[in-house]
Each structure stands twice: as structure tokens, then as C-alpha cells.
Amino acid sequence: MAYDIETTKAPLNFPDQAIDQGIVSEGTEDFEYAPEGGYEGPFIIFNEPNKAATIMHFFSHVQDIKPTVMATFNCDRG
């Protein structure tokens, strides 16, 4: 399972909901992306109404599919 929950924060700091931007991309639809042959690339998009619903859906999804490997695209490039 690979996932990316979009957030913002100041470099080398923890997120602070009082000042961090909210990123909302409503209307994003599922899509296919496979840069190399032989690999399936379905991306399933979940648009949630708020941060709490996003986290609740994420944990519910993890419990449903029980992945053996998880990867994220979030990183700190400070």
C-alpha cells in the first residue's frame, strides 16, 4: 500500500494547525499511472470533508486491506 496525505508545515518544524495551510483538491478522480511496463498503476482517490474524516478513512482502509508493506510519499527535505 502506498499513500500520500497532503499537508504543509514550516521546514524542520512539526505541523501547526493554527498556521499551516489546508490543501484541498476536490473533484480529483481515480486515475492510472504505470511508468514501466509490467506494473499496474491504479490510483484510487478519496476526497474527505475535513482532516478528521481523512484520518478516520485512512485507518479504516488500513484495517480493511491489512497491507504487509506500506510506503509514503511524505518526507522532510529540510
Foldseek 3Di string as FASTA:
>chain_A
DEDEDDWDDDAPDDDDVVPTDDDADPPDAWDWDDPDPPDTGTDHDDHDPDDVRVVVVVVVVCVVVVDPDYHYPDDHPD
